[in-house]
Amino acid sequence: MISSLIVAFATIFITILSLYKWVIIINALLSWVQPDPYNPIVQMLDRLTHPAYALLRKFVPTVFGGMDLAPVILIFAIQFLEIFLGNLFSSMM
């Protein structure tokens, strides 16, 4: 019963990670087209992604050749977590 509860929470956490990965992708794509900064959707995406970018930039240099690679690094990290946690908790089932 406890293992089922842990697997359920892990599934929810993995789903949240997947949704956040899409938020990062959408924000990165929007940064290429210079959207209206006063648009509420753009502001929400910036508020959701800026803390993660700031935390990553504190420890890792993310600008290479004038291009900010923070979204790419975060996507790889989230993908790693999804795979790792998925395999970890699938063995509990």
Protein backbone atom coordinates (compact mmCIF):
# COMPACT_ATOMS: atom_id res chain seq x y z
CA MET A 1 0.00 0.00 0.00
CA ILE A 2 2.84 2.40 0.83
CA SER A 3 4.59 1.56 -2.43
CA SER A 4 1.41 2.40 -4.37
CA LEU A 5 1.25 5.76 -2.64
CA ILE A 6 4.90 6.47 -3.44
CA VAL A 7 4.40 5.47 -7.07
CA ALA A 8 1.33 7.73 -7.30
CA PHE A 9 3.26 10.72 -5.95
CA ALA A 10 6.17 9.93 -8.25
CA THR A 11 3.84 9.80 -11.24
CA ILE A 12 2.39 13.18 -10.33
CA PHE A 13 5.89 14.62 -9.85
CA ILE A 14 7.05 13.26 -13.22
CA THR A 15 3.96 14.75 -14.88
CA ILE A 16 4.70 18.15 -13.31
CA LEU A 17 8.29 17.91 -14.56
CA SER A 18 7.02 17.14 -18.05
CA LEU A 19 4.65 20.12 -18.00
CA TYR A 20 7.44 22.38 -16.76
CA LYS A 21 9.65 21.14 -19.59
CA TRP A 22 7.00 22.31 -22.07
CA VAL A 23 6.77 25.68 -20.32
CA ILE A 24 10.53 26.09 -20.82
CA ILE A 25 10.28 25.08 -24.49
CA ILE A 26 7.43 27.51 -25.15
CA ASN A 27 9.26 30.33 -23.35
CA ALA A 28 12.43 29.66 -25.33
CA LEU A 29 10.53 29.68 -28.63
CA LEU A 30 8.74 32.90 -27.70
CA SER A 31 12.06 34.57 -26.88
CA TRP A 32 13.04 34.25 -30.54
CA VAL A 33 10.06 36.28 -31.80
CA GLN A 34 10.11 39.11 -29.19
CA PRO A 35 6.50 38.94 -27.98
CA ASP A 36 4.74 41.80 -26.22
CA PRO A 37 6.21 41.86 -22.69
CA TYR A 38 2.89 43.11 -21.29
CA ASN A 39 1.01 40.05 -22.52
CA PRO A 40 -0.19 38.13 -19.43
CA ILE A 41 0.78 34.77 -20.91
CA VAL A 42 4.31 35.96 -21.63
CA GLN A 43 4.58 37.41 -18.13
CA MET A 44 3.36 34.13 -16.61
CA LEU A 45 5.88 32.11 -18.62
CA ASP A 46 8.68 34.46 -17.55
CA ARG A 47 7.65 34.21 -13.89
CA LEU A 48 7.62 30.42 -14.12
CA THR A 49 10.98 30.03 -15.82
CA HIS A 50 13.07 32.94 -14.49
CA PRO A 51 13.74 31.39 -11.02
CA ALA A 52 15.05 28.18 -12.57
CA TYR A 53 17.21 30.11 -15.04
CA ALA A 54 18.60 32.30 -12.23
CA LEU A 55 19.43 29.27 -10.08
CA LEU A 56 21.17 27.54 -12.99
CA ARG A 57 23.09 30.69 -13.97
CA LYS A 58 24.38 31.02 -10.41
CA PHE A 59 26.30 27.74 -10.73
CA VAL A 60 26.88 27.21 -14.47
CA PRO A 61 27.87 29.69 -17.18
CA THR A 62 25.02 29.41 -19.67
CA VAL A 63 25.97 31.96 -22.35
CA PHE A 64 28.14 30.54 -25.12
CA GLY A 65 28.80 32.48 -28.29
CA GLY A 66 26.16 35.06 -27.43
CA MET A 67 23.45 32.42 -27.07
CA ASP A 68 21.89 31.60 -23.72
CA LEU A 69 21.75 27.83 -23.33
CA ALA A 70 19.96 27.82 -19.95
CA PRO A 71 16.72 26.41 -21.46
CA VAL A 72 18.60 23.59 -23.17
CA ILE A 73 20.51 22.70 -20.00
CA LEU A 74 17.30 22.74 -17.96
CA ILE A 75 15.49 20.56 -20.49
CA PHE A 76 18.32 18.01 -20.36
CA ALA A 77 18.25 18.06 -16.55
CA ILE A 78 14.48 17.59 -16.46
CA GLN A 79 14.68 14.81 -19.04
CA PHE A 80 17.33 13.08 -16.91
CA LEU A 81 15.10 13.37 -13.82
CA GLU A 82 12.08 12.02 -15.70
CA ILE A 83 13.99 8.97 -16.91
CA PHE A 84 15.75 8.37 -13.59
CA LEU A 85 12.60 8.67 -11.48
CA GLY A 86 10.53 6.71 -13.99
CA ASN A 87 12.96 3.80 -13.87
CA LEU A 88 13.39 4.07 -10.11
CA PHE A 89 9.69 3.95 -9.37
CA SER A 90 8.78 1.46 -12.07
CA SER A 91 10.92 -1.06 -10.23
CA MET A 92 8.74 -0.54 -7.15
CA MET A 93 5.60 -1.67 -8.95
